């Protein structure tokens, strides 16, 4: 299985979220654009902030945190 990687800088994060119907609330949490009270969760069930956002995986929208543990878990799942 081949994995395609797209690397973006922090300024592009908002545009990526917009494409998936998400936005960022005043506290920095990623939320549903049509329901700003609904925060998105990481695969581990944690509320996701913009500064911890690393990407979205294929399939159901699974938001991945930028910490090493989350990235290692993602690597294990896609191999």
C-alpha atoms as a PDB file:
ATOM      1  CA  UNK A   1       0.000   0.000   0.000  1.00  0.00           C
ATOM      2  CA  UNK A   2       1.403   3.377  -0.918  1.00  0.00           C
ATOM      3  CA  UNK A   3       0.805   6.405   1.263  1.00  0.00           C
ATOM      4  CA  UNK A   4       0.632   9.839  -0.273  1.00  0.00           C
ATOM      5  CA  UNK A   5       1.740  12.714   1.911  1.00  0.00           C
ATOM      6  CA  UNK A   6       0.861  16.356   1.515  1.00  0.00           C
ATOM      7  CA  UNK A   7       2.793  18.843   3.612  1.00  0.00           C
ATOM      8  CA  UNK A   8       1.279  22.266   4.252  1.00  0.00           C
ATOM      9  CA  UNK A   9       2.334  25.199   6.358  1.00  0.00           C
ATOM     10  CA  UNK A  10       0.247  26.566   9.200  1.00  0.00           C
ATOM     11  CA  UNK A  11      -1.333  29.276   7.051  1.00  0.00           C
ATOM     12  CA  UNK A  12      -3.017  26.631   4.858  1.00  0.00           C
ATOM     13  CA  UNK A  13      -4.674  24.756   7.734  1.00  0.00           C
ATOM     14  CA  UNK A  14      -7.738  27.013   7.725  1.00  0.00           C
ATOM     15  CA  UNK A  15      -8.229  26.544   4.005  1.00  0.00           C
ATOM     16  CA  UNK A  16      -8.004  22.757   4.345  1.00  0.00           C
ATOM     17  CA  UNK A  17     -10.547  22.761   7.166  1.00  0.00           C
ATOM     18  CA  UNK A  18     -12.862  24.966   5.096  1.00  0.00           C
ATOM     19  CA  UNK A  19     -12.825  22.378   2.283  1.00  0.00           C
ATOM     20  CA  UNK A  20     -14.103  19.795   4.783  1.00  0.00           C
ATOM     21  CA  UNK A  21     -16.821  22.020   6.257  1.00  0.00           C
ATOM     22  CA  UNK A  22     -14.893  22.870   9.412  1.00  0.00           C
ATOM     23  CA  UNK A  23     -13.795  26.127  11.004  1.00  0.00           C
ATOM     24  CA  UNK A  24     -12.007  27.273  14.169  1.00  0.00           C
ATOM     25  CA  UNK A  25     -13.862  28.759  17.134  1.00  0.00           C
ATOM     26  CA  UNK A  26     -12.688  31.697  19.257  1.00  0.00           C
ATOM     27  CA  UNK A  27     -10.882  29.292  21.613  1.00  0.00           C
ATOM     28  CA  UNK A  28      -8.862  27.671  18.819  1.00  0.00           C
ATOM     29  CA  UNK A  29     -10.873  24.425  18.583  1.00  0.00           C
ATOM     30  CA  UNK A  30     -11.794  22.916  15.227  1.00  0.00           C
ATOM     31  CA  UNK A  31     -15.584  22.818  14.957  1.00  0.00           C
ATOM     32  CA  UNK A  32     -18.292  21.967  12.452  1.00  0.00           C
ATOM     33  CA  UNK A  33     -18.950  25.017  10.283  1.00  0.00           C
ATOM     34  CA  UNK A  34     -22.730  24.472  10.363  1.00  0.00           C
ATOM     35  CA  UNK A  35     -22.712  23.768  14.143  1.00  0.00           C
ATOM     36  CA  UNK A  36     -19.916  25.693  15.893  1.00  0.00           C
ATOM     37  CA  UNK A  37     -20.849  24.115  19.225  1.00  0.00           C
ATOM     38  CA  UNK A  38     -19.742  20.691  17.918  1.00  0.00           C
ATOM     39  CA  UNK A  39     -15.981  20.266  18.267  1.00  0.00           C
ATOM     40  CA  UNK A  40     -14.235  17.661  16.134  1.00  0.00           C
ATOM     41  CA  UNK A  41     -12.406  14.827  17.859  1.00  0.00           C
ATOM     42  CA  UNK A  42      -9.147  13.021  17.214  1.00  0.00           C
ATOM     43  CA  UNK A  43      -9.240   9.214  16.787  1.00  0.00           C
ATOM     44  CA  UNK A  44      -8.372   9.036  20.501  1.00  0.00           C
ATOM     45  CA  UNK A  45     -11.478  11.081  21.357  1.00  0.00           C
ATOM     46  CA  UNK A  46      -9.708  14.340  22.220  1.00  0.00           C
ATOM     47  CA  UNK A  47     -11.064  17.707  21.113  1.00  0.00           C
ATOM     48  CA  UNK A  48      -8.833  19.023  18.330  1.00  0.00           C
ATOM     49  CA  UNK A  49      -7.236  22.481  18.336  1.00  0.00           C
ATOM     50  CA  UNK A  50      -5.844  24.165  15.259  1.00  0.00           C
ATOM     51  CA  UNK A  51      -2.317  24.292  16.680  1.00  0.00           C
ATOM     52  CA  UNK A  52      -2.387  20.490  17.288  1.00  0.00           C
ATOM     53  CA  UNK A  53      -3.902  19.681  13.870  1.00  0.00           C
ATOM     54  CA  UNK A  54      -1.655  17.663  11.535  1.00  0.00           C
ATOM     55  CA  UNK A  55      -4.095  16.401   8.910  1.00  0.00           C
ATOM     56  CA  UNK A  56      -7.130  14.359   7.965  1.00  0.00           C
ATOM     57  CA  UNK A  57      -6.962  10.694   7.032  1.00  0.00           C
ATOM     58  CA  UNK A  58      -8.808   8.995   4.178  1.00  0.00           C
ATOM     59  CA  UNK A  59     -12.254   7.522   4.825  1.00  0.00           C
ATOM     60  CA  UNK A  60     -14.331   8.984   7.614  1.00  0.00           C
ATOM     61  CA  UNK A  61     -12.895  12.281   8.682  1.00  0.00           C
ATOM     62  CA  UNK A  62     -10.317  11.364  11.297  1.00  0.00           C
ATOM     63  CA  UNK A  63      -8.390  14.373  12.504  1.00  0.00           C
ATOM     64  CA  UNK A  64      -4.795  13.555  13.450  1.00  0.00           C
ATOM     65  CA  UNK A  65      -2.866  15.437  16.135  1.00  0.00           C
ATOM     66  CA  UNK A  66       0.665  16.599  15.418  1.00  0.00           C
ATOM     67  CA  UNK A  67       2.266  14.915  18.453  1.00  0.00           C
ATOM     68  CA  UNK A  68       4.610  11.949  17.966  1.00  0.00           C
ATOM     69  CA  UNK A  69       2.301   9.378  19.615  1.00  0.00           C
ATOM     70  CA  UNK A  70      -0.621  10.260  17.337  1.00  0.00           C
ATOM     71  CA  UNK A  71       1.594  10.213  14.269  1.00  0.00           C
ATOM     72  CA  UNK A  72       3.048   6.817  15.275  1.00  0.00           C
ATOM     73  CA  UNK A  73      -0.491   5.447  15.773  1.00  0.00           C
ATOM     74  CA  UNK A  74      -1.437   6.709  12.325  1.00  0.00           C
ATOM     75  CA  UNK A  75       1.636   5.065  10.846  1.00  0.00           C
ATOM     76  CA  UNK A  76       0.710   1.743  12.476  1.00  0.00           C
ATOM     77  CA  UNK A  77      -2.867   1.946  11.148  1.00  0.00           C
ATOM     78  CA  UNK A  78      -1.951   2.670   7.542  1.00  0.00           C
ATOM     79  CA  UNK A  79       0.772   0.040   7.180  1.00  0.00           C
END
